[in-house]
Amino acid sequence: MSEVINNWSEIVALEDIPPLGSRVIKTDTMNIAVFRTASDEVFAMKDECPHKQGPLSQGIVHGTSVTCPLHNWKIDLASGEALGPDQGCTNVFPVKVEDGRVFIDFEMAVAA
């Protein structure tokens, strides 16, 4: 399942991520949370809230944001930015969906 095309690595089938849910991808250096919205948009970010490093993958997805399970910080799935009034950011990764398969570019992380 971990086919690499250019910098894109296949990580999971879209159907394996529940709508309004997530899956965790473990790398040598971090855990990455991959989220699916109700409209089947897919986002990936470091599985760590910028506030107290809570596991965002265990949060509640609503619209295009996730709420951290520890202290209810809301994080924008596209940018990794905390939504007001909170401030902070977590790394996000480019993702794409092709033929029901989700790919991630681990090298193009947008730093927090």
PDB file of N, CA and C in Angstrom:
ATOM      1  N   MET A   1       0.804  -1.199   0.000  1.00  0.00           N
ATOM      2  CA  MET A   1       0.000   0.000   0.000  1.00  0.00           C
ATOM      3  C   MET A   1       0.847   1.263   0.000  1.00  0.00           C
ATOM      4  N   SER A   2       2.102   1.235   0.360  1.00  0.00           N
ATOM      5  CA  SER A   2       2.892   2.461   0.456  1.00  0.00           C
ATOM      6  C   SER A   2       3.665   2.732  -0.831  1.00  0.00           C
ATOM      7  N   GLU A   3       2.944   2.823  -1.941  1.00  0.00           N
ATOM      8  CA  GLU A   3       3.534   3.118  -3.233  1.00  0.00           C
ATOM      9  C   GLU A   3       3.956   4.585  -3.263  1.00  0.00           C
ATOM     10  N   VAL A   4       5.151   4.876  -3.801  1.00  0.00           N
ATOM     11  CA  VAL A   4       5.636   6.244  -3.905  1.00  0.00           C
ATOM     12  C   VAL A   4       5.670   6.642  -5.378  1.00  0.00           C
ATOM     13  N   ILE A   5       4.985   7.729  -5.717  1.00  0.00           N
ATOM     14  CA  ILE A   5       4.986   8.278  -7.070  1.00  0.00           C
ATOM     15  C   ILE A   5       5.471   9.705  -6.948  1.00  0.00           C
ATOM     16  N   ASN A   6       6.668  10.001  -7.538  1.00  0.00           N
ATOM     17  CA  ASN A   6       7.339  11.281  -7.316  1.00  0.00           C
ATOM     18  C   ASN A   6       7.530  11.438  -5.815  1.00  0.00           C
ATOM     19  N   ASN A   7       7.011  12.508  -5.221  1.00  0.00           N
ATOM     20  CA  ASN A   7       7.107  12.667  -3.772  1.00  0.00           C
ATOM     21  C   ASN A   7       5.844  12.207  -3.059  1.00  0.00           C
ATOM     22  N   TRP A   8       4.867  11.725  -3.808  1.00  0.00           N
ATOM     23  CA  TRP A   8       3.587  11.333  -3.230  1.00  0.00           C
ATOM     24  C   TRP A   8       3.630   9.886  -2.772  1.00  0.00           C
ATOM     25  N   SER A   9       3.242   9.645  -1.531  1.00  0.00           N
ATOM     26  CA  SER A   9       3.188   8.292  -0.968  1.00  0.00           C
ATOM     27  C   SER A   9       1.737   7.940  -0.679  1.00  0.00           C
ATOM     28  N   GLU A  10       1.312   6.772  -1.151  1.00  0.00           N
ATOM     29  CA  GLU A  10      -0.030   6.309  -0.839  1.00  0.00           C
ATOM     30  C   GLU A  10      -0.062   5.900   0.629  1.00  0.00           C
ATOM     31  N   ILE A  11      -1.061   6.400   1.370  1.00  0.00           N
ATOM     32  CA  ILE A  11      -1.084   6.119   2.805  1.00  0.00           C
ATOM     33  C   ILE A  11      -2.301   5.337   3.266  1.00  0.00           C
ATOM     34  N   VAL A  12      -3.442   5.510   2.592  1.00  0.00           N
ATOM     35  CA  VAL A  12      -4.671   4.855   3.067  1.00  0.00           C
ATOM     36  C   VAL A  12      -5.733   4.964   1.974  1.00  0.00           C
ATOM     37  N   ALA A  13      -6.686   4.067   2.000  1.00  0.00           N
ATOM     38  CA  ALA A  13      -7.857   4.191   1.133  1.00  0.00           C
ATOM     39  C   ALA A  13      -8.811   5.201   1.760  1.00  0.00           C
ATOM     40  N   LEU A  14      -9.439   6.021   0.948  1.00  0.00           N
ATOM     41  CA  LEU A  14     -10.373   7.021   1.459  1.00  0.00           C
ATOM     42  C   LEU A  14     -11.452   6.364   2.312  1.00  0.00           C
ATOM     43  N   GLU A  15     -11.931   5.210   1.895  1.00  0.00           N
ATOM     44  CA  GLU A  15     -12.997   4.540   2.641  1.00  0.00           C
ATOM     45  C   GLU A  15     -12.558   4.083   4.032  1.00  0.00           C
ATOM     46  N   ASP A  16     -11.245   4.042   4.290  1.00  0.00           N
ATOM     47  CA  ASP A  16     -10.743   3.658   5.608  1.00  0.00           C
ATOM     48  C   ASP A  16     -10.704   4.817   6.598  1.00  0.00           C
ATOM     49  N   ILE A  17     -11.011   6.024   6.122  1.00  0.00           N
ATOM     50  CA  ILE A  17     -11.118   7.187   7.007  1.00  0.00           C
ATOM     51  C   ILE A  17     -12.605   7.494   7.135  1.00  0.00           C
ATOM     52  N   PRO A  18     -13.177   7.385   8.319  1.00  0.00           N
ATOM     53  CA  PRO A  18     -14.608   7.657   8.436  1.00  0.00           C
ATOM     54  C   PRO A  18     -14.921   9.133   8.187  1.00  0.00           C
ATOM     55  N   PRO A  19     -16.071   9.428   7.568  1.00  0.00           N
ATOM     56  CA  PRO A  19     -16.463  10.838   7.444  1.00  0.00           C
ATOM     57  C   PRO A  19     -16.481  11.484   8.834  1.00  0.00           C
ATOM     58  N   LEU A  20     -15.954  12.696   8.912  1.00  0.00           N
ATOM     59  CA  LEU A  20     -15.814  13.442  10.171  1.00  0.00           C
ATOM     60  C   LEU A  20     -14.901  12.707  11.151  1.00  0.00           C
ATOM     61  N   GLY A  21     -13.941  11.974  10.621  1.00  0.00           N
ATOM     62  CA  GLY A  21     -13.016  11.218  11.457  1.00  0.00           C
ATOM     63  C   GLY A  21     -11.588  11.355  10.981  1.00  0.00           C
ATOM     64  N   SER A  22     -10.719  10.495  11.508  1.00  0.00           N
ATOM     65  CA  SER A  22      -9.300  10.579  11.169  1.00  0.00           C
ATOM     66  C   SER A  22      -8.626   9.218  11.269  1.00  0.00           C
ATOM     67  N   ARG A  23      -7.429   9.170  10.760  1.00  0.00           N
ATOM     68  CA  ARG A  23      -6.519   8.035  10.905  1.00  0.00           C
ATOM     69  C   ARG A  23      -5.148   8.619  11.217  1.00  0.00           C
ATOM     70  N   VAL A  24      -4.336   7.859  11.929  1.00  0.00           N
ATOM     71  CA  VAL A  24      -2.986   8.308  12.276  1.00  0.00           C
ATOM     72  C   VAL A  24      -1.973   7.538  11.439  1.00  0.00           C
ATOM     73  N   ILE A  25      -1.057   8.280  10.829  1.00  0.00           N
ATOM     74  CA  ILE A  25       0.059   7.711  10.084  1.00  0.00           C
ATOM     75  C   ILE A  25       1.310   7.960  10.920  1.00  0.00           C
ATOM     76  N   LYS A  26       2.026   6.905  11.253  1.00  0.00           N
ATOM     77  CA  LYS A  26       3.235   7.044  12.075  1.00  0.00           C
ATOM     78  C   LYS A  26       4.459   7.063  11.167  1.00  0.00           C
ATOM     79  N   THR A  27       5.321   8.066  11.366  1.00  0.00           N
ATOM     80  CA  THR A  27       6.595   8.134  10.653  1.00  0.00           C
ATOM     81  C   THR A  27       7.711   7.967  11.688  1.00  0.00           C
ATOM     82  N   ASP A  28       8.944   8.004  11.237  1.00  0.00           N
ATOM     83  CA  ASP A  28      10.077   7.898  12.158  1.00  0.00           C
ATOM     84  C   ASP A  28      10.176   9.101  13.092  1.00  0.00           C
ATOM     85  N   THR A  29       9.626  10.234  12.672  1.00  0.00           N
ATOM     86  CA  THR A  29       9.812  11.457  13.447  1.00  0.00           C
ATOM     87  C   THR A  29       8.550  12.021  14.095  1.00  0.00           C
ATOM     88  N   MET A  30       7.362  11.591  13.617  1.00  0.00           N
ATOM     89  CA  MET A  30       6.129  12.152  14.179  1.00  0.00           C
ATOM     90  C   MET A  30       4.931  11.315  13.773  1.00  0.00           C
ATOM     91  N   ASN A  31       3.820  11.594  14.419  1.00  0.00           N
ATOM     92  CA  ASN A  31       2.532  11.045  14.001  1.00  0.00           C
ATOM     93  C   ASN A  31       1.805  12.112  13.192  1.00  0.00           C
ATOM     94  N   ILE A  32       1.167  11.679  12.112  1.00  0.00           N
ATOM     95  CA  ILE A  32       0.416  12.585  11.250  1.00  0.00           C
ATOM     96  C   ILE A  32      -1.049  12.160  11.270  1.00  0.00           C
ATOM     97  N   ALA A  33      -1.919  13.109  11.563  1.00  0.00           N
ATOM     98  CA  ALA A  33      -3.356  12.858  11.554  1.00  0.00           C
ATOM     99  C   ALA A  33      -3.896  13.183  10.172  1.00  0.00           C
ATOM    100  N   VAL A  34      -4.651  12.255   9.606  1.00  0.00           N
ATOM    101  CA  VAL A  34      -5.279  12.449   8.299  1.00  0.00           C
ATOM    102  C   VAL A  34      -6.786  12.506   8.545  1.00  0.00           C
ATOM    103  N   PHE A  35      -7.402  13.629   8.186  1.00  0.00           N
ATOM    104  CA  PHE A  35      -8.810  13.891   8.478  1.00  0.00           C
ATOM    105  C   PHE A  35      -9.654  13.841   7.212  1.00  0.00           C
ATOM    106  N   ARG A  36     -10.907  13.449   7.387  1.00  0.00           N
ATOM    107  CA  ARG A  36     -11.886  13.454   6.295  1.00  0.00           C
ATOM    108  C   ARG A  36     -13.106  14.237   6.757  1.00  0.00           C
ATOM    109  N   THR A  37     -13.527  15.184   5.945  1.00  0.00           N
ATOM    110  CA  THR A  37     -14.696  15.990   6.291  1.00  0.00           C
ATOM    111  C   THR A  37     -15.971  15.314   5.785  1.00  0.00           C
ATOM    112  N   ALA A  38     -17.104  15.905   6.118  1.00  0.00           N
ATOM    113  CA  ALA A  38     -18.393  15.371   5.667  1.00  0.00           C
ATOM    114  C   ALA A  38     -18.514  15.420   4.148  1.00  0.00           C
ATOM    115  N   SER A  39     -17.812  16.363   3.515  1.00  0.00           N
ATOM    116  CA  SER A  39     -17.859  16.486   2.047  1.00  0.00           C
ATOM    117  C   SER A  39     -16.689  15.760   1.377  1.00  0.00           C
ATOM    118  N   ASP A  40     -16.043  14.846   2.098  1.00  0.00           N
ATOM    119  CA  ASP A  40     -14.948  14.007   1.595  1.00  0.00           C
ATOM    120  C   ASP A  40     -13.673  14.767   1.259  1.00  0.00           C
ATOM    121  N   GLU A  41     -13.499  15.978   1.798  1.00  0.00           N
ATOM    122  CA  GLU A  41     -12.208  16.647   1.695  1.00  0.00           C
ATOM    123  C   GLU A  41     -11.256  15.946   2.658  1.00  0.00           C
ATOM    124  N   VAL A  42      -9.979  15.869   2.290  1.00  0.00           N
ATOM    125  CA  VAL A  42      -8.987  15.197   3.124  1.00  0.00           C
ATOM    126  C   VAL A  42      -7.864  16.180   3.441  1.00  0.00           C
ATOM    127  N   PHE A  43      -7.442  16.190   4.705  1.00  0.00           N
ATOM    128  CA  PHE A  43      -6.380  17.069   5.178  1.00  0.00           C
ATOM    129  C   PHE A  43      -5.427  16.258   6.047  1.00  0.00           C
ATOM    130  N   ALA A  44      -4.166  16.688   6.105  1.00  0.00           N
ATOM    131  CA  ALA A  44      -3.191  16.008   6.957  1.00  0.00           C
ATOM    132  C   ALA A  44      -2.384  17.048   7.723  1.00  0.00           C
ATOM    133  N   MET A  45      -2.118  16.748   8.986  1.00  0.00           N
ATOM    134  CA  MET A  45      -1.315  17.638   9.818  1.00  0.00           C
ATOM    135  C   MET A  45      -0.636  16.828  10.919  1.00  0.00           C
ATOM    136  N   LYS A  46       0.387  17.437  11.487  1.00  0.00           N
ATOM    137  CA  LYS A  46       1.038  16.817  12.635  1.00  0.00           C
ATOM    138  C   LYS A  46      -0.019  16.577  13.704  1.00  0.00           C
ATOM    139  N   ASP A  47      -0.007  15.392  14.277  1.00  0.00           N
ATOM    140  CA  ASP A  47      -1.028  15.011  15.253  1.00  0.00           C
ATOM    141  C   ASP A  47      -0.707  15.591  16.625  1.00  0.00           C
ATOM    142  N   GLU A  48      -0.623  16.931  16.656  1.00  0.00           N
ATOM    143  CA  GLU A  48      -0.218  17.594  17.892  1.00  0.00           C
ATOM    144  C   GLU A  48      -0.782  19.007  17.932  1.00  0.00           C
ATOM    145  N   CYS A  49      -1.629  19.270  18.902  1.00  0.00           N
ATOM    146  CA  CYS A  49      -2.175  20.610  19.077  1.00  0.00           C
ATOM    147  C   CYS A  49      -1.044  21.574  19.457  1.00  0.00           C
ATOM    148  N   PRO A  50      -1.051  22.784  18.896  1.00  0.00           N
ATOM    149  CA  PRO A  50       0.008  23.740  19.241  1.00  0.00           C
ATOM    150  C   PRO A  50      -0.075  24.247  20.677  1.00  0.00           C
ATOM    151  N   HIS A  51      -1.166  23.989  21.366  1.00  0.00           N
ATOM    152  CA  HIS A  51      -1.354  24.478  22.731  1.00  0.00           C
ATOM    153  C   HIS A  51      -0.629  23.596  23.751  1.00  0.00           C
ATOM    154  N   LYS A  52      -1.097  22.381  23.928  1.00  0.00           N
ATOM    155  CA  LYS A  52      -0.512  21.474  24.932  1.00  0.00           C
ATOM    156  C   LYS A  52      -0.195  20.104  24.323  1.00  0.00           C
ATOM    157  N   GLN A  53       0.008  20.080  23.002  1.00  0.00           N
ATOM    158  CA  GLN A  53       0.404  18.880  22.266  1.00  0.00           C
ATOM    159  C   GLN A  53      -0.630  17.751  22.349  1.00  0.00           C
ATOM    160  N   GLY A  54      -1.892  18.100  22.500  1.00  0.00           N
ATOM    161  CA  GLY A  54      -2.955  17.098  22.515  1.00  0.00           C
ATOM    162  C   GLY A  54      -3.066  16.392  21.185  1.00  0.00           C
ATOM    163  N   PRO A  55      -3.563  15.153  21.169  1.00  0.00           N
ATOM    164  CA  PRO A  55      -3.697  14.381  19.930  1.00  0.00           C
ATOM    165  C   PRO A  55      -4.896  14.853  19.109  1.00  0.00           C
ATOM    166  N   LEU A  56      -4.637  15.636  18.077  1.00  0.00           N
ATOM    167  CA  LEU A  56      -5.723  16.171  17.262  1.00  0.00           C
ATOM    168  C   LEU A  56      -6.546  15.068  16.603  1.00  0.00           C
ATOM    169  N   SER A  57      -5.932  13.928  16.348  1.00  0.00           N
ATOM    170  CA  SER A  57      -6.646  12.812  15.717  1.00  0.00           C
ATOM    171  C   SER A  57      -7.804  12.310  16.579  1.00  0.00           C
ATOM    172  N   GLN A  58      -7.781  12.636  17.856  1.00  0.00           N
ATOM    173  CA  GLN A  58      -8.853  12.221  18.759  1.00  0.00           C
ATOM    174  C   GLN A  58      -9.899  13.319  18.946  1.00  0.00           C
ATOM    175  N   GLY A  59      -9.734  14.419  18.202  1.00  0.00           N
ATOM    176  CA  GLY A  59     -10.660  15.534  18.314  1.00  0.00           C
ATOM    177  C   GLY A  59     -11.900  15.354  17.464  1.00  0.00           C
ATOM    178  N   ILE A  60     -12.777  16.336  17.524  1.00  0.00           N
ATOM    179  CA  ILE A  60     -14.032  16.320  16.779  1.00  0.00           C
ATOM    180  C   ILE A  60     -13.864  17.173  15.525  1.00  0.00           C
ATOM    181  N   VAL A  61     -14.157  16.563  14.369  1.00  0.00           N
ATOM    182  CA  VAL A  61     -14.085  17.272  13.089  1.00  0.00           C
ATOM    183  C   VAL A  61     -15.445  17.909  12.828  1.00  0.00           C
ATOM    184  N   HIS A  62     -15.422  19.203  12.471  1.00  0.00           N
ATOM    185  CA  HIS A  62     -16.647  19.926  12.130  1.00  0.00           C
ATOM    186  C   HIS A  62     -16.291  20.926  11.055  1.00  0.00           C
ATOM    187  N   GLY A  63     -17.013  20.858   9.935  1.00  0.00           N
ATOM    188  CA  GLY A  63     -16.666  21.714   8.801  1.00  0.00           C
ATOM    189  C   GLY A  63     -15.255  21.387   8.346  1.00  0.00           C
ATOM    190  N   THR A  64     -14.405  22.405   8.296  1.00  0.00           N
ATOM    191  CA  THR A  64     -12.999  22.201   7.922  1.00  0.00           C
ATOM    192  C   THR A  64     -12.076  22.536   9.091  1.00  0.00           C
ATOM    193  N   SER A  65     -12.505  22.163  10.281  1.00  0.00           N
ATOM    194  CA  SER A  65     -11.663  22.347  11.463  1.00  0.00           C
ATOM    195  C   SER A  65     -11.804  21.137  12.379  1.00  0.00           C
ATOM    196  N   VAL A  66     -10.878  21.043  13.323  1.00  0.00           N
ATOM    197  CA  VAL A  66     -10.920  19.975  14.325  1.00  0.00           C
ATOM    198  C   VAL A  66     -10.766  20.640  15.691  1.00  0.00           C
ATOM    199  N   THR A  67     -11.480  20.122  16.677  1.00  0.00           N
ATOM    200  CA  THR A  67     -11.382  20.631  18.041  1.00  0.00           C
ATOM    201  C   THR A  67     -10.516  19.679  18.852  1.00  0.00           C
ATOM    202  N   CYS A  68      -9.462  20.214  19.459  1.00  0.00           N
ATOM    203  CA  CYS A  68      -8.556  19.412  20.275  1.00  0.00           C
ATOM    204  C   CYS A  68      -9.319  18.818  21.461  1.00  0.00           C
ATOM    205  N   PRO A  69      -9.091  17.546  21.762  1.00  0.00           N
ATOM    206  CA  PRO A  69      -9.817  16.910  22.866  1.00  0.00           C
ATOM    207  C   PRO A  69      -9.363  17.365  24.257  1.00  0.00           C
ATOM    208  N   LEU A  70      -8.209  18.023  24.347  1.00  0.00           N
ATOM    209  CA  LEU A  70      -7.721  18.411  25.674  1.00  0.00           C
ATOM    210  C   LEU A  70      -8.322  19.708  26.194  1.00  0.00           C
ATOM    211  N   HIS A  71      -8.261  20.772  25.380  1.00  0.00           N
ATOM    212  CA  HIS A  71      -8.697  22.079  25.873  1.00  0.00           C
ATOM    213  C   HIS A  71      -9.595  22.825  24.883  1.00  0.00           C
ATOM    214  N   ASN A  72     -10.179  22.073  23.934  1.00  0.00           N
ATOM    215  CA  ASN A  72     -11.150  22.635  22.987  1.00  0.00           C
ATOM    216  C   ASN A  72     -10.612  23.705  22.049  1.00  0.00           C
ATOM    217  N   TRP A  73      -9.315  23.708  21.790  1.00  0.00           N
ATOM    218  CA  TRP A  73      -8.795  24.606  20.764  1.00  0.00           C
ATOM    219  C   TRP A  73      -9.303  24.140  19.418  1.00  0.00           C
ATOM    220  N   LYS A  74      -9.717  25.060  18.567  1.00  0.00           N
ATOM    221  CA  LYS A  74     -10.156  24.739  17.216  1.00  0.00           C
ATOM    222  C   LYS A  74      -9.010  25.028  16.247  1.00  0.00           C
ATOM    223  N   ILE A  75      -8.686  24.034  15.408  1.00  0.00           N
ATOM    224  CA  ILE A  75      -7.577  24.134  14.466  1.00  0.00           C
ATOM    225  C   ILE A  75      -8.127  24.017  13.053  1.00  0.00           C
ATOM    226  N   ASP A  76      -7.760  24.952  12.179  1.00  0.00           N
ATOM    227  CA  ASP A  76      -8.156  24.906  10.777  1.00  0.00           C
ATOM    228  C   ASP A  76      -7.419  23.763  10.087  1.00  0.00           C
ATOM    229  N   LEU A  77      -8.151  22.870   9.435  1.00  0.00           N
ATOM    230  CA  LEU A  77      -7.527  21.701   8.817  1.00  0.00           C
ATOM    231  C   LEU A  77      -6.637  22.063   7.633  1.00  0.00           C
ATOM    232  N   ALA A  78      -6.971  23.109   6.893  1.00  0.00           N
ATOM    233  CA  ALA A  78      -6.187  23.482   5.714  1.00  0.00           C
ATOM    234  C   ALA A  78      -4.863  24.157   6.067  1.00  0.00           C
ATOM    235  N   SER A  79      -4.888  25.024   7.075  1.00  0.00           N
ATOM    236  CA  SER A  79      -3.691  25.817   7.393  1.00  0.00           C
ATOM    237  C   SER A  79      -2.949  25.342   8.634  1.00  0.00           C
ATOM    238  N   GLY A  80      -3.616  24.597   9.521  1.00  0.00           N
ATOM    239  CA  GLY A  80      -3.020  24.210  10.797  1.00  0.00           C
ATOM    240  C   GLY A  80      -3.063  25.311  11.836  1.00  0.00           C
ATOM    241  N   GLU A  81      -3.652  26.457  11.480  1.00  0.00           N
ATOM    242  CA  GLU A  81      -3.727  27.610  12.386  1.00  0.00           C
ATOM    243  C   GLU A  81      -4.833  27.429  13.425  1.00  0.00           C
ATOM    244  N   ALA A  82      -4.547  27.835  14.652  1.00  0.00           N
ATOM    245  CA  ALA A  82      -5.576  27.888  15.687  1.00  0.00           C
ATOM    246  C   ALA A  82      -6.554  28.995  15.318  1.00  0.00           C
ATOM    247  N   LEU A  83      -7.822  28.749  15.552  1.00  0.00           N
ATOM    248  CA  LEU A  83      -8.849  29.743  15.246  1.00  0.00           C
ATOM    249  C   LEU A  83      -9.096  30.592  16.489  1.00  0.00           C
ATOM    250  N   GLY A  84      -9.311  31.898  16.279  1.00  0.00           N
ATOM    251  CA  GLY A  84      -9.443  32.872  17.344  1.00  0.00           C
ATOM    252  C   GLY A  84     -10.385  32.458  18.458  1.00  0.00           C
ATOM    253  N   PRO A  85     -10.104  32.902  19.640  1.00  0.00           N
ATOM    254  CA  PRO A  85      -9.051  33.851  19.991  1.00  0.00           C
ATOM    255  C   PRO A  85      -7.688  33.202  20.223  1.00  0.00           C
ATOM    256  N   ASP A  86      -7.597  31.865  20.077  1.00  0.00           N
ATOM    257  CA  ASP A  86      -6.340  31.169  20.342  1.00  0.00           C
ATOM    258  C   ASP A  86      -5.320  31.441  19.234  1.00  0.00           C
ATOM    259  N   GLN A  87      -4.040  31.279  19.565  1.00  0.00           N
ATOM    260  CA  GLN A  87      -2.974  31.505  18.596  1.00  0.00           C
ATOM    261  C   GLN A  87      -2.004  30.342  18.628  1.00  0.00           C
ATOM    262  N   GLY A  88      -1.551  29.934  17.462  1.00  0.00           N
ATOM    263  CA  GLY A  88      -0.611  28.837  17.336  1.00  0.00           C
ATOM    264  C   GLY A  88      -0.860  28.133  16.016  1.00  0.00           C
ATOM    265  N   CYS A  89       0.042  27.231  15.680  1.00  0.00           N
ATOM    266  CA  CYS A  89      -0.064  26.552  14.399  1.00  0.00           C
ATOM    267  C   CYS A  89       0.649  25.207  14.482  1.00  0.00           C
ATOM    268  N   THR A  90       0.160  24.231  13.713  1.00  0.00           N
ATOM    269  CA  THR A  90       0.826  22.942  13.598  1.00  0.00           C
ATOM    270  C   THR A  90       1.130  22.686  12.125  1.00  0.00           C
ATOM    271  N   ASN A  91       2.126  21.854  11.845  1.00  0.00           N
ATOM    272  CA  ASN A  91       2.510  21.565  10.464  1.00  0.00           C
ATOM    273  C   ASN A  91       1.379  20.872   9.707  1.00  0.00           C
ATOM    274  N   VAL A  92       1.195  21.262   8.450  1.00  0.00           N
ATOM    275  CA  VAL A  92       0.234  20.594   7.568  1.00  0.00           C
ATOM    276  C   VAL A  92       0.996  19.997   6.388  1.00  0.00           C
ATOM    277  N   PHE A  93       0.405  18.985   5.771  1.00  0.00           N
ATOM    278  CA  PHE A  93       1.027  18.277   4.662  1.00  0.00           C
ATOM    279  C   PHE A  93       0.075  18.264   3.471  1.00  0.00           C
ATOM    280  N   PRO A  94       0.612  18.423   2.255  1.00  0.00           N
ATOM    281  CA  PRO A  94      -0.248  18.312   1.065  1.00  0.00           C
ATOM    282  C   PRO A  94      -0.779  16.889   0.933  1.00  0.00           C
ATOM    283  N   VAL A  95      -2.041  16.773   0.587  1.00  0.00           N
ATOM    284  CA  VAL A  95      -2.658  15.474   0.324  1.00  0.00           C
ATOM    285  C   VAL A  95      -3.460  15.568  -0.966  1.00  0.00           C
ATOM    286  N   LYS A  96      -3.656  14.419  -1.589  1.00  0.00           N
ATOM    287  CA  LYS A  96      -4.539  14.339  -2.751  1.00  0.00           C
ATOM    288  C   LYS A  96      -5.221  12.981  -2.728  1.00  0.00           C
ATOM    289  N   VAL A  97      -6.387  12.932  -3.369  1.00  0.00           N
ATOM    290  CA  VAL A  97      -7.146  11.688  -3.464  1.00  0.00           C
ATOM    291  C   VAL A  97      -7.280  11.349  -4.940  1.00  0.00           C
ATOM    292  N   GLU A  98      -6.869  10.144  -5.294  1.00  0.00           N
ATOM    293  CA  GLU A  98      -7.000   9.657  -6.670  1.00  0.00           C
ATOM    294  C   GLU A  98      -7.551   8.242  -6.636  1.00  0.00           C
ATOM    295  N   ASP A  99      -8.631   8.026  -7.361  1.00  0.00           N
ATOM    296  CA  ASP A  99      -9.243   6.697  -7.458  1.00  0.00           C
ATOM    297  C   ASP A  99      -9.502   6.074  -6.083  1.00  0.00           C
ATOM    298  N   GLY A 100      -9.942   6.900  -5.134  1.00  0.00           N
ATOM    299  CA  GLY A 100     -10.271   6.389  -3.810  1.00  0.00           C
ATOM    300  C   GLY A 100      -9.068   6.110  -2.918  1.00  0.00           C
ATOM    301  N   ARG A 101      -7.877   6.532  -3.360  1.00  0.00           N
ATOM    302  CA  ARG A 101      -6.653   6.339  -2.568  1.00  0.00           C
ATOM    303  C   ARG A 101      -6.133   7.701  -2.134  1.00  0.00           C
ATOM    304  N   VAL A 102      -5.658   7.780  -0.897  1.00  0.00           N
ATOM    305  CA  VAL A 102      -5.150   9.037  -0.351  1.00  0.00           C
ATOM    306  C   VAL A 102      -3.627   9.010  -0.404  1.00  0.00           C
ATOM    307  N   PHE A 103      -3.054  10.092  -0.949  1.00  0.00           N
ATOM    308  CA  PHE A 103      -1.607  10.256  -1.061  1.00  0.00           C
ATOM    309  C   PHE A 103      -1.179  11.478  -0.251  1.00  0.00           C
ATOM    310  N   ILE A 104       0.036  11.424   0.283  1.00  0.00           N
ATOM    311  CA  ILE A 104       0.591  12.549   1.046  1.00  0.00           C
ATOM    312  C   ILE A 104       2.001  12.825   0.537  1.00  0.00           C
ATOM    313  N   ASP A 105       2.377  14.092   0.570  1.00  0.00           N
ATOM    314  CA  ASP A 105       3.741  14.492   0.238  1.00  0.00           C
ATOM    315  C   ASP A 105       4.434  14.848   1.548  1.00  0.00           C
ATOM    316  N   PHE A 106       5.194  13.888   2.086  1.00  0.00           N
ATOM    317  CA  PHE A 106       5.867  14.091   3.373  1.00  0.00           C
ATOM    318  C   PHE A 106       6.929  15.183   3.307  1.00  0.00           C
ATOM    319  N   GLU A 107       7.497  15.424   2.122  1.00  0.00           N
ATOM    320  CA  GLU A 107       8.595  16.387   1.989  1.00  0.00           C
ATOM    321  C   GLU A 107       8.120  17.832   1.908  1.00  0.00           C
ATOM    322  N   MET A 108       6.855  18.047   1.629  1.00  0.00           N
ATOM    323  CA  MET A 108       6.366  19.411   1.424  1.00  0.00           C
ATOM    324  C   MET A 108       5.550  19.933   2.605  1.00  0.00           C
ATOM    325  N   ALA A 109       5.915  19.531   3.793  1.00  0.00           N
ATOM    326  CA  ALA A 109       5.196  20.015   4.977  1.00  0.00           C
ATOM    327  C   ALA A 109       5.290  21.530   5.055  1.00  0.00           C
ATOM    328  N   VAL A 110       4.194  22.146   5.408  1.00  0.00           N
ATOM    329  CA  VAL A 110       4.179  23.592   5.650  1.00  0.00           C
ATOM    330  C   VAL A 110       4.417  23.765   7.138  1.00  0.00           C
ATOM    331  N   ALA A 111       5.573  24.337   7.465  1.00  0.00           N
ATOM    332  CA  ALA A 111       5.990  24.442   8.865  1.00  0.00           C
ATOM    333  C   ALA A 111       5.108  25.398   9.647  1.00  0.00           C
ATOM    334  N   ALA A 112       4.948  25.041  10.891  1.00  0.00           N
ATOM    335  CA  ALA A 112       4.164  25.883  11.804  1.00  0.00           C
ATOM    336  C   ALA A 112       4.980  27.073  12.237  1.00  0.00           C
TER     337      ALA A 112
END
